[in-house]
C-alpha atoms as a PDB file:
ATOM      1  CA  UNK A   1     -27.765 108.274 -28.212  1.00  0.00           C
ATOM      2  CA  UNK A   2     -26.460 104.799 -28.884  1.00  0.00           C
ATOM      3  CA  UNK A   3     -23.686 106.130 -31.097  1.00  0.00           C
ATOM      4  CA  UNK A   4     -22.687 108.591 -28.419  1.00  0.00           C
ATOM      5  CA  UNK A   5     -22.428 105.775 -25.864  1.00  0.00           C
ATOM      6  CA  UNK A   6     -20.431 103.687 -28.280  1.00  0.00           C
ATOM      7  CA  UNK A   7     -17.995 106.564 -28.776  1.00  0.00           C
ATOM      8  CA  UNK A   8     -17.757 107.081 -25.029  1.00  0.00           C
ATOM      9  CA  UNK A   9     -17.216 103.429 -24.155  1.00  0.00           C
ATOM     10  CA  UNK A  10     -14.265 102.906 -26.411  1.00  0.00           C
ATOM     11  CA  UNK A  11     -11.493 100.447 -25.893  1.00  0.00           C
ATOM     12  CA  UNK A  12      -9.072 103.204 -25.008  1.00  0.00           C
ATOM     13  CA  UNK A  13     -11.410 104.506 -22.316  1.00  0.00           C
ATOM     14  CA  UNK A  14     -11.800 101.090 -20.795  1.00  0.00           C
ATOM     15  CA  UNK A  15      -8.039 100.642 -20.840  1.00  0.00           C
ATOM     16  CA  UNK A  16      -7.546 103.969 -19.107  1.00  0.00           C
ATOM     17  CA  UNK A  17     -10.182 103.211 -16.460  1.00  0.00           C
ATOM     18  CA  UNK A  18      -8.772  99.745 -15.857  1.00  0.00           C
ATOM     19  CA  UNK A  19      -5.221 101.044 -15.610  1.00  0.00           C
ATOM     20  CA  UNK A  20      -6.174 103.740 -13.135  1.00  0.00           C
ATOM     21  CA  UNK A  21      -8.246 101.297 -11.105  1.00  0.00           C
ATOM     22  CA  UNK A  22      -5.258  98.981 -10.899  1.00  0.00           C
ATOM     23  CA  UNK A  23      -2.994 101.870  -9.908  1.00  0.00           C
ATOM     24  CA  UNK A  24      -5.439 102.950  -7.190  1.00  0.00           C
ATOM     25  CA  UNK A  25      -5.700  99.379  -5.934  1.00  0.00           C
ATOM     26  CA  UNK A  26      -1.897  99.151  -5.821  1.00  0.00           C
ATOM     27  CA  UNK A  27      -1.734 102.415  -3.878  1.00  0.00           C
ATOM     28  CA  UNK A  28      -4.196 101.147  -1.268  1.00  0.00           C
ATOM     29  CA  UNK A  29      -2.468  97.778  -1.071  1.00  0.00           C
ATOM     30  CA  UNK A  30       0.923  99.455  -0.657  1.00  0.00           C
ATOM     31  CA  UNK A  31      -0.464 101.716   2.085  1.00  0.00           C
ATOM     32  CA  UNK A  32      -1.991  98.724   3.865  1.00  0.00           C
ATOM     33  CA  UNK A  33       1.257  96.743   3.720  1.00  0.00           C
ATOM     34  CA  UNK A  34       3.282  99.786   4.818  1.00  0.00           C
ATOM     35  CA  UNK A  35       1.036 100.365   7.826  1.00  0.00           C
ATOM     36  CA  UNK A  36       1.146  96.696   8.830  1.00  0.00           C
ATOM     37  CA  UNK A  37       4.923  96.498   8.423  1.00  0.00           C
ATOM     38  CA  UNK A  38       5.624  99.709  10.297  1.00  0.00           C
ATOM     39  CA  UNK A  39       3.206  98.738  13.085  1.00  0.00           C
ATOM     40  CA  UNK A  40       5.037  95.425  13.455  1.00  0.00           C
ATOM     41  CA  UNK A  41       8.399  97.219  13.454  1.00  0.00           C
ATOM     42  CA  UNK A  42       7.284  99.620  16.183  1.00  0.00           C
ATOM     43  CA  UNK A  43       5.986  96.727  18.278  1.00  0.00           C
ATOM     44  CA  UNK A  44       9.335  94.954  17.980  1.00  0.00           C
ATOM     45  CA  UNK A  45      11.160  98.135  19.040  1.00  0.00           C
ATOM     46  CA  UNK A  46       8.889  98.916  21.998  1.00  0.00           C
ATOM     47  CA  UNK A  47       8.578  95.344  23.330  1.00  0.00           C
ATOM     48  CA  UNK A  48      12.251  94.960  24.429  1.00  0.00           C
ATOM     49  CA  UNK A  49      12.077  98.324  26.221  1.00  0.00           C
ATOM     50  CA  UNK A  50       9.111  97.109  28.241  1.00  0.00           C
ATOM     51  CA  UNK A  51      10.675  93.701  28.919  1.00  0.00           C
ATOM     52  CA  UNK A  52      13.941  95.307  30.019  1.00  0.00           C
ATOM     53  CA  UNK A  53      12.080  97.742  32.308  1.00  0.00           C
ATOM     54  CA  UNK A  54      13.740 100.687  30.559  1.00  0.00           C
ATOM     55  CA  UNK A  55      10.256 102.107  30.225  1.00  0.00           C
ATOM     56  CA  UNK A  56       7.123 101.361  32.153  1.00  0.00           C
ATOM     57  CA  UNK A  57       4.554  99.385  30.220  1.00  0.00           C
ATOM     58  CA  UNK A  58       2.143 102.290  30.019  1.00  0.00           C
ATOM     59  CA  UNK A  59       4.839 104.653  28.742  1.00  0.00           C
ATOM     60  CA  UNK A  60       5.985 102.139  26.169  1.00  0.00           C
ATOM     61  CA  UNK A  61       2.420 101.704  24.951  1.00  0.00           C
ATOM     62  CA  UNK A  62       1.978 105.478  24.824  1.00  0.00           C
ATOM     63  CA  UNK A  63       5.134 105.885  22.754  1.00  0.00           C
ATOM     64  CA  UNK A  64       4.063 103.099  20.448  1.00  0.00           C
ATOM     65  CA  UNK A  65       0.645 104.652  19.996  1.00  0.00           C
ATOM     66  CA  UNK A  66       2.179 108.054  19.250  1.00  0.00           C
ATOM     67  CA  UNK A  67       4.575 106.666  16.637  1.00  0.00           C
ATOM     68  CA  UNK A  68       1.833 104.623  15.020  1.00  0.00           C
ATOM     69  CA  UNK A  69      -0.419 107.697  14.843  1.00  0.00           C
ATOM     70  CA  UNK A  70       2.330 109.806  13.244  1.00  0.00           C
ATOM     71  CA  UNK A  71       3.104 107.085  10.703  1.00  0.00           C
ATOM     72  CA  UNK A  72      -0.561 106.431   9.974  1.00  0.00           C
ATOM     73  CA  UNK A  73      -1.341 110.079   9.231  1.00  0.00           C
ATOM     74  CA  UNK A  74       1.820 110.399   7.157  1.00  0.00           C
ATOM     75  CA  UNK A  75       0.819 107.389   5.072  1.00  0.00           C
ATOM     76  CA  UNK A  76      -2.703 108.775   4.711  1.00  0.00           C
ATOM     77  CA  UNK A  77      -1.336 112.087   3.440  1.00  0.00           C
ATOM     78  CA  UNK A  78       0.918 110.319   0.915  1.00  0.00           C
ATOM     79  CA  UNK A  79      -1.990 108.158  -0.274  1.00  0.00           C
ATOM     80  CA  UNK A  80      -4.243 111.197  -0.771  1.00  0.00           C
ATOM     81  CA  UNK A  81      -1.579 113.003  -2.789  1.00  0.00           C
ATOM     82  CA  UNK A  82      -0.946 109.913  -4.941  1.00  0.00           C
ATOM     83  CA  UNK A  83      -4.672 109.477  -5.555  1.00  0.00           C
ATOM     84  CA  UNK A  84      -5.055 113.112  -6.585  1.00  0.00           C
ATOM     85  CA  UNK A  85      -2.138 112.726  -8.950  1.00  0.00           C
ATOM     86  CA  UNK A  86      -3.549 109.511 -10.358  1.00  0.00           C
ATOM     87  CA  UNK A  87      -6.865 111.275 -10.989  1.00  0.00           C
ATOM     88  CA  UNK A  88      -4.924 114.060 -12.724  1.00  0.00           C
ATOM     89  CA  UNK A  89      -5.945 116.684 -10.193  1.00  0.00           C
ATOM     90  CA  UNK A  90      -3.420 119.504  -9.889  1.00  0.00           C
ATOM     91  CA  UNK A  91      -1.846 119.251  -6.421  1.00  0.00           C
ATOM     92  CA  UNK A  92       0.475 122.250  -6.738  1.00  0.00           C
ATOM     93  CA  UNK A  93      -2.033 124.744  -5.397  1.00  0.00           C
ATOM     94  CA  UNK A  94      -3.099 122.311  -2.689  1.00  0.00           C
ATOM     95  CA  UNK A  95       0.496 121.831  -1.530  1.00  0.00           C
ATOM     96  CA  UNK A  96       1.150 125.573  -1.604  1.00  0.00           C
ATOM     97  CA  UNK A  97      -1.984 126.288   0.397  1.00  0.00           C
ATOM     98  CA  UNK A  98      -1.135 123.568   2.888  1.00  0.00           C
ATOM     99  CA  UNK A  99       2.362 125.022   3.227  1.00  0.00           C
ATOM    100  CA  UNK A 100       1.082 128.513   4.035  1.00  0.00           C
ATOM    101  CA  UNK A 101      -1.539 127.076   6.379  1.00  0.00           C
ATOM    102  CA  UNK A 102       1.072 124.947   8.121  1.00  0.00           C
ATOM    103  CA  UNK A 103       3.355 127.959   8.512  1.00  0.00           C
ATOM    104  CA  UNK A 104       0.551 130.042  10.009  1.00  0.00           C
ATOM    105  CA  UNK A 105      -0.471 127.259  12.379  1.00  0.00           C
ATOM    106  CA  UNK A 106       3.173 126.653  13.331  1.00  0.00           C
ATOM    107  CA  UNK A 107       3.749 130.312  14.202  1.00  0.00           C
ATOM    108  CA  UNK A 108       0.547 130.489  16.210  1.00  0.00           C
ATOM    109  CA  UNK A 109       1.043 127.182  18.000  1.00  0.00           C
ATOM    110  CA  UNK A 110       4.673 127.317  19.072  1.00  0.00           C
ATOM    111  CA  UNK A 111       3.757 126.783  22.714  1.00  0.00           C
ATOM    112  CA  UNK A 112       1.584 123.806  21.781  1.00  0.00           C
ATOM    113  CA  UNK A 113       4.438 122.231  19.829  1.00  0.00           C
ATOM    114  CA  UNK A 114       6.829 122.896  22.714  1.00  0.00           C
ATOM    115  CA  UNK A 115       4.416 121.233  25.146  1.00  0.00           C
ATOM    116  CA  UNK A 116       4.067 118.153  22.958  1.00  0.00           C
ATOM    117  CA  UNK A 117       7.800 117.785  22.320  1.00  0.00           C
ATOM    118  CA  UNK A 118       8.538 118.149  26.035  1.00  0.00           C
ATOM    119  CA  UNK A 119       5.797 115.654  26.869  1.00  0.00           C
ATOM    120  CA  UNK A 120       7.280 113.172  24.408  1.00  0.00           C
ATOM    121  CA  UNK A 121      10.692 113.352  26.082  1.00  0.00           C
ATOM    122  CA  UNK A 122       9.179 113.170  29.586  1.00  0.00           C
ATOM    123  CA  UNK A 123       7.594 109.857  28.633  1.00  0.00           C
ATOM    124  CA  UNK A 124      10.523 108.588  26.563  1.00  0.00           C
ATOM    125  CA  UNK A 125      13.141 109.378  29.234  1.00  0.00           C
ATOM    126  CA  UNK A 126      10.910 108.082  32.035  1.00  0.00           C
ATOM    127  CA  UNK A 127      11.443 111.243  34.080  1.00  0.00           C
ATOM    128  CA  UNK A 128       8.365 110.485  36.172  1.00  0.00           C
ATOM    129  CA  UNK A 129       5.253 108.391  35.901  1.00  0.00           C
ATOM    130  CA  UNK A 130       1.665 108.136  37.060  1.00  0.00           C
ATOM    131  CA  UNK A 131       1.640 107.624  40.821  1.00  0.00           C
ATOM    132  CA  UNK A 132       5.008 109.326  41.381  1.00  0.00           C
ATOM    133  CA  UNK A 133       5.237 112.138  43.923  1.00  0.00           C
ATOM    134  CA  UNK A 134       7.064 115.059  42.342  1.00  0.00           C
ATOM    135  CA  UNK A 135       7.800 118.724  42.952  1.00  0.00           C
ATOM    136  CA  UNK A 136       7.688 121.076  39.993  1.00  0.00           C
ATOM    137  CA  UNK A 137       8.381 124.724  40.707  1.00  0.00           C
ATOM    138  CA  UNK A 138       6.064 125.848  43.502  1.00  0.00           C
ATOM    139  CA  UNK A 139       3.741 122.868  43.052  1.00  0.00           C
ATOM    140  CA  UNK A 140       4.090 119.350  44.373  1.00  0.00           C
ATOM    141  CA  UNK A 141       1.839 116.348  44.421  1.00  0.00           C
ATOM    142  CA  UNK A 142       1.084 112.923  43.018  1.00  0.00           C
ATOM    143  CA  UNK A 143       1.050 112.557  39.235  1.00  0.00           C
ATOM    144  CA  UNK A 144      -2.416 111.432  38.168  1.00  0.00           C
ATOM    145  CA  UNK A 145      -1.968 111.737  34.413  1.00  0.00           C
ATOM    146  CA  UNK A 146       0.763 112.396  31.861  1.00  0.00           C
ATOM    147  CA  UNK A 147      -0.205 113.612  28.414  1.00  0.00           C
ATOM    148  CA  UNK A 148       1.772 114.923  25.498  1.00  0.00           C
ATOM    149  CA  UNK A 149       0.529 118.445  26.232  1.00  0.00           C
ATOM    150  CA  UNK A 150      -0.130 118.641  29.989  1.00  0.00           C
ATOM    151  CA  UNK A 151       0.738 116.846  33.220  1.00  0.00           C
ATOM    152  CA  UNK A 152      -1.794 116.667  36.053  1.00  0.00           C
ATOM    153  CA  UNK A 153      -0.764 116.707  39.726  1.00  0.00           C
ATOM    154  CA  UNK A 154      -2.964 116.315  42.786  1.00  0.00           C
ATOM    155  CA  UNK A 155      -1.506 117.880  45.929  1.00  0.00           C
ATOM    156  CA  UNK A 156      -1.999 116.925  49.581  1.00  0.00           C
ATOM    157  CA  UNK A 157      -5.107 119.132  49.800  1.00  0.00           C
ATOM    158  CA  UNK A 158      -6.737 117.359  46.872  1.00  0.00           C
ATOM    159  CA  UNK A 159      -6.255 120.276  44.485  1.00  0.00           C
ATOM    160  CA  UNK A 160      -5.639 119.220  40.885  1.00  0.00           C
ATOM    161  CA  UNK A 161      -2.856 121.170  39.169  1.00  0.00           C
ATOM    162  CA  UNK A 162      -2.658 121.111  35.370  1.00  0.00           C
ATOM    163  CA  UNK A 163       0.831 122.004  34.157  1.00  0.00           C
ATOM    164  CA  UNK A 164       1.740 122.545  30.482  1.00  0.00           C
ATOM    165  CA  UNK A 165       4.668 120.251  29.738  1.00  0.00           C
ATOM    166  CA  UNK A 166       6.581 123.116  28.143  1.00  0.00           C
ATOM    167  CA  UNK A 167       6.560 124.904  31.506  1.00  0.00           C
ATOM    168  CA  UNK A 168       8.266 121.997  33.296  1.00  0.00           C
ATOM    169  CA  UNK A 169      11.885 123.093  33.585  1.00  0.00           C
ATOM    170  CA  UNK A 170      12.937 121.207  36.720  1.00  0.00           C
ATOM    171  CA  UNK A 171      11.403 118.200  38.457  1.00  0.00           C
ATOM    172  CA  UNK A 172      12.227 116.575  41.791  1.00  0.00           C
ATOM    173  CA  UNK A 173      10.991 112.976  41.965  1.00  0.00           C
ATOM    174  CA  UNK A 174      10.425 111.579  45.455  1.00  0.00           C
ATOM    175  CA  UNK A 175       9.523 108.038  44.394  1.00  0.00           C
ATOM    176  CA  UNK A 176      12.639 106.692  42.687  1.00  0.00           C
ATOM    177  CA  UNK A 177      14.705 104.434  44.898  1.00  0.00           C
ATOM    178  CA  UNK A 178      14.860 104.558  48.687  1.00  0.00           C
ATOM    179  CA  UNK A 179      14.022 107.836  50.373  1.00  0.00           C
ATOM    180  CA  UNK A 180      15.325 109.135  53.697  1.00  0.00           C
ATOM    181  CA  UNK A 181      13.352 110.148  56.742  1.00  0.00           C
ATOM    182  CA  UNK A 182      15.313 112.845  58.573  1.00  0.00           C
ATOM    183  CA  UNK A 183      14.381 114.036  62.061  1.00  0.00           C
ATOM    184  CA  UNK A 184      16.403 116.579  64.052  1.00  0.00           C
ATOM    185  CA  UNK A 185      15.933 116.464  67.816  1.00  0.00           C
ATOM    186  CA  UNK A 186      16.747 119.679  69.698  1.00  0.00           C
ATOM    187  CA  UNK A 187      17.594 119.357  73.392  1.00  0.00           C
ATOM    188  CA  UNK A 188      19.029 121.805  75.941  1.00  0.00           C
ATOM    189  CA  UNK A 189      22.804 121.968  75.957  1.00  0.00           C
ATOM    190  CA  UNK A 190      22.726 121.414  79.728  1.00  0.00           C
ATOM    191  CA  UNK A 191      21.144 117.954  79.296  1.00  0.00           C
ATOM    192  CA  UNK A 192      23.056 114.766  80.008  1.00  0.00           C
ATOM    193  CA  UNK A 193      24.262 113.939  76.492  1.00  0.00           C
ATOM    194  CA  UNK A 194      25.067 110.251  77.042  1.00  0.00           C
ATOM    195  CA  UNK A 195      21.699 109.670  78.681  1.00  0.00           C
ATOM    196  CA  UNK A 196      19.889 111.247  75.749  1.00  0.00           C
ATOM    197  CA  UNK A 197      21.883 109.215  73.204  1.00  0.00           C
ATOM    198  CA  UNK A 198      21.083 105.973  75.032  1.00  0.00           C
ATOM    199  CA  UNK A 199      17.429 106.992  75.247  1.00  0.00           C
ATOM    200  CA  UNK A 200      17.273 107.718  71.511  1.00  0.00           C
ATOM    201  CA  UNK A 201      19.031 104.450  70.643  1.00  0.00           C
ATOM    202  CA  UNK A 202      16.584 102.496  72.797  1.00  0.00           C
ATOM    203  CA  UNK A 203      13.479 104.043  71.268  1.00  0.00           C
ATOM    204  CA  UNK A 204      14.872 103.782  67.738  1.00  0.00           C
ATOM    205  CA  UNK A 205      15.228 100.002  68.250  1.00  0.00           C
ATOM    206  CA  UNK A 206      11.600  99.896  69.341  1.00  0.00           C
ATOM    207  CA  UNK A 207      10.594 101.912  66.294  1.00  0.00           C
ATOM    208  CA  UNK A 208      12.491  99.491  64.044  1.00  0.00           C
ATOM    209  CA  UNK A 209      10.051  96.806  65.152  1.00  0.00           C
ATOM    210  CA  UNK A 210       6.934  99.000  65.144  1.00  0.00           C
ATOM    211  CA  UNK A 211       7.655 100.447  61.669  1.00  0.00           C
ATOM    212  CA  UNK A 212       9.176  97.334  60.121  1.00  0.00           C
ATOM    213  CA  UNK A 213       6.894  97.420  57.071  1.00  0.00           C
ATOM    214  CA  UNK A 214       7.665 101.115  56.478  1.00  0.00           C
ATOM    215  CA  UNK A 215      11.451 100.938  56.712  1.00  0.00           C
ATOM    216  CA  UNK A 216      14.147  99.869  54.275  1.00  0.00           C
ATOM    217  CA  UNK A 217      16.724  99.678  57.060  1.00  0.00           C
ATOM    218  CA  UNK A 218      17.154 100.455  60.735  1.00  0.00           C
ATOM    219  CA  UNK A 219      16.786 103.941  62.183  1.00  0.00           C
ATOM    220  CA  UNK A 220      20.225 105.436  62.882  1.00  0.00           C
ATOM    221  CA  UNK A 221      21.190 108.017  65.484  1.00  0.00           C
ATOM    222  CA  UNK A 222      23.817 109.974  63.581  1.00  0.00           C
ATOM    223  CA  UNK A 223      24.780 112.224  66.473  1.00  0.00           C
ATOM    224  CA  UNK A 224      25.126 115.965  66.899  1.00  0.00           C
ATOM    225  CA  UNK A 225      24.727 117.986  63.694  1.00  0.00           C
ATOM    226  CA  UNK A 226      24.452 121.475  65.199  1.00  0.00           C
ATOM    227  CA  UNK A 227      24.874 123.251  68.521  1.00  0.00           C
ATOM    228  CA  UNK A 228      25.078 126.661  70.127  1.00  0.00           C
ATOM    229  CA  UNK A 229      25.180 128.027  73.671  1.00  0.00           C
ATOM    230  CA  UNK A 230      21.670 126.780  74.486  1.00  0.00           C
ATOM    231  CA  UNK A 231      20.740 123.962  72.106  1.00  0.00           C
ATOM    232  CA  UNK A 232      22.198 120.691  70.834  1.00  0.00           C
ATOM    233  CA  UNK A 233      20.632 119.202  67.697  1.00  0.00           C
ATOM    234  CA  UNK A 234      20.818 115.435  67.238  1.00  0.00           C
ATOM    235  CA  UNK A 235      19.861 113.897  63.887  1.00  0.00           C
ATOM    236  CA  UNK A 236      18.010 110.626  63.319  1.00  0.00           C
ATOM    237  CA  UNK A 237      18.033 109.042  59.867  1.00  0.00           C
ATOM    238  CA  UNK A 238      16.146 106.126  58.270  1.00  0.00           C
ATOM    239  CA  UNK A 239      15.883 104.691  54.765  1.00  0.00           C
ATOM    240  CA  UNK A 240      12.295 104.130  53.628  1.00  0.00           C
ATOM    241  CA  UNK A 241      10.414 103.007  50.530  1.00  0.00           C
ATOM    242  CA  UNK A 242       9.147 105.827  48.283  1.00  0.00           C
ATOM    243  CA  UNK A 243       6.542 108.096  49.919  1.00  0.00           C
ATOM    244  CA  UNK A 244       6.855 106.318  53.289  1.00  0.00           C
ATOM    245  CA  UNK A 245       9.344 108.866  54.640  1.00  0.00           C
ATOM    246  CA  UNK A 246       6.677 111.330  55.747  1.00  0.00           C
ATOM    247  CA  UNK A 247       4.816 108.804  57.871  1.00  0.00           C
ATOM    248  CA  UNK A 248       8.080 107.504  59.353  1.00  0.00           C
ATOM    249  CA  UNK A 249       9.165 111.034  60.292  1.00  0.00           C
ATOM    250  CA  UNK A 250       5.846 111.661  62.043  1.00  0.00           C
ATOM    251  CA  UNK A 251       6.102 108.374  63.942  1.00  0.00           C
ATOM    252  CA  UNK A 252       9.675 109.115  65.055  1.00  0.00           C
ATOM    253  CA  UNK A 253       8.755 112.604  66.234  1.00  0.00           C
ATOM    254  CA  UNK A 254       5.778 111.335  68.213  1.00  0.00           C
ATOM    255  CA  UNK A 255       7.855 108.606  69.865  1.00  0.00           C
ATOM    256  CA  UNK A 256      10.775 110.886  70.726  1.00  0.00           C
ATOM    257  CA  UNK A 257       8.570 113.681  72.114  1.00  0.00           C
ATOM    258  CA  UNK A 258       6.844 111.233  74.457  1.00  0.00           C
ATOM    259  CA  UNK A 259      10.170 109.649  75.495  1.00  0.00           C
ATOM    260  CA  UNK A 260      11.903 112.960  76.202  1.00  0.00           C
ATOM    261  CA  UNK A 261       8.895 114.304  78.107  1.00  0.00           C
ATOM    262  CA  UNK A 262       8.769 111.132  80.243  1.00  0.00           C
ATOM    263  CA  UNK A 263      12.482 111.568  81.004  1.00  0.00           C
ATOM    264  CA  UNK A 264      11.920 115.175  82.066  1.00  0.00           C
ATOM    265  CA  UNK A 265      13.905 116.573  79.124  1.00  0.00           C
ATOM    266  CA  UNK A 266      12.008 119.517  77.684  1.00  0.00           C
ATOM    267  CA  UNK A 267      13.118 121.424  74.585  1.00  0.00           C
ATOM    268  CA  UNK A 268      14.199 125.009  75.242  1.00  0.00           C
ATOM    269  CA  UNK A 269      11.967 127.726  73.718  1.00  0.00           C
ATOM    270  CA  UNK A 270      14.676 129.060  71.413  1.00  0.00           C
ATOM    271  CA  UNK A 271      15.692 128.735  67.785  1.00  0.00           C
ATOM    272  CA  UNK A 272      18.625 126.453  67.044  1.00  0.00           C
ATOM    273  CA  UNK A 273      21.314 127.203  64.505  1.00  0.00           C
ATOM    274  CA  UNK A 274      20.137 126.927  60.921  1.00  0.00           C
ATOM    275  CA  UNK A 275      16.764 128.421  61.846  1.00  0.00           C
ATOM    276  CA  UNK A 276      15.354 125.171  63.259  1.00  0.00           C
ATOM    277  CA  UNK A 277      12.602 125.760  65.795  1.00  0.00           C
ATOM    278  CA  UNK A 278      13.159 124.148  69.189  1.00  0.00           C
ATOM    279  CA  UNK A 279       9.733 124.936  70.490  1.00  0.00           C
ATOM    280  CA  UNK A 280       9.051 121.199  69.945  1.00  0.00           C
ATOM    281  CA  UNK A 281      11.261 118.247  70.712  1.00  0.00           C
ATOM    282  CA  UNK A 282      11.868 117.752  66.999  1.00  0.00           C
ATOM    283  CA  UNK A 283      11.995 119.884  63.879  1.00  0.00           C
END
């Protein structure tokens, strides 16, 4: 027994074990340094984007987290393969099996990959963000979450819509820059035009004061935008902060309906050009 142990614990064996232990330690140390260095590099790349407002802070952090995850798993895979090689374990069959498995998964998960790639570019290009009001296809609502696979919208009725990112082909964002509140007022063609214009100007000045915190400029009476033998359509326009345009439009309509009714100017029960209903004072 003792002789067998002596033969086993030879100098050559100890040298081999020590050498491999050192190699393994170097592999782990190299992986640790690579992860730290790449994490620092990513932070330095993402930080200026956040500071320069090219990306929102949350999007920049999401991108950084994604890149760090990809790099981390790549380093882990390289470390595992190097360890297997160091332990003299044949990796050829493992690589071949992983290749076939990856091919099968890739063919079966094309839509998943498409969703994730699209989600990456949505975040990277800052197409829209959490809290933005967007329209996507037949759905519209406020973005409550953006992931690399799906985007979640909550509409005005409180319904939560979950949209695969790969299905997002066209997006209209209502929360970037100033929006416009547009109100078309339909009045009978027989009405006194100058009187109506003065009336609208007067009440728009009042609305400028009442809606001061909801406006990005004064309400403008643009003038006639459509007319036919029975109806004249006058357009009012106002710049507003994002998402305030709907409330401003409602306030303008309410004010103008009351003002026209008080002046004895009632909208004719017909349809104006362009399909705009004149059953109310405004469209």
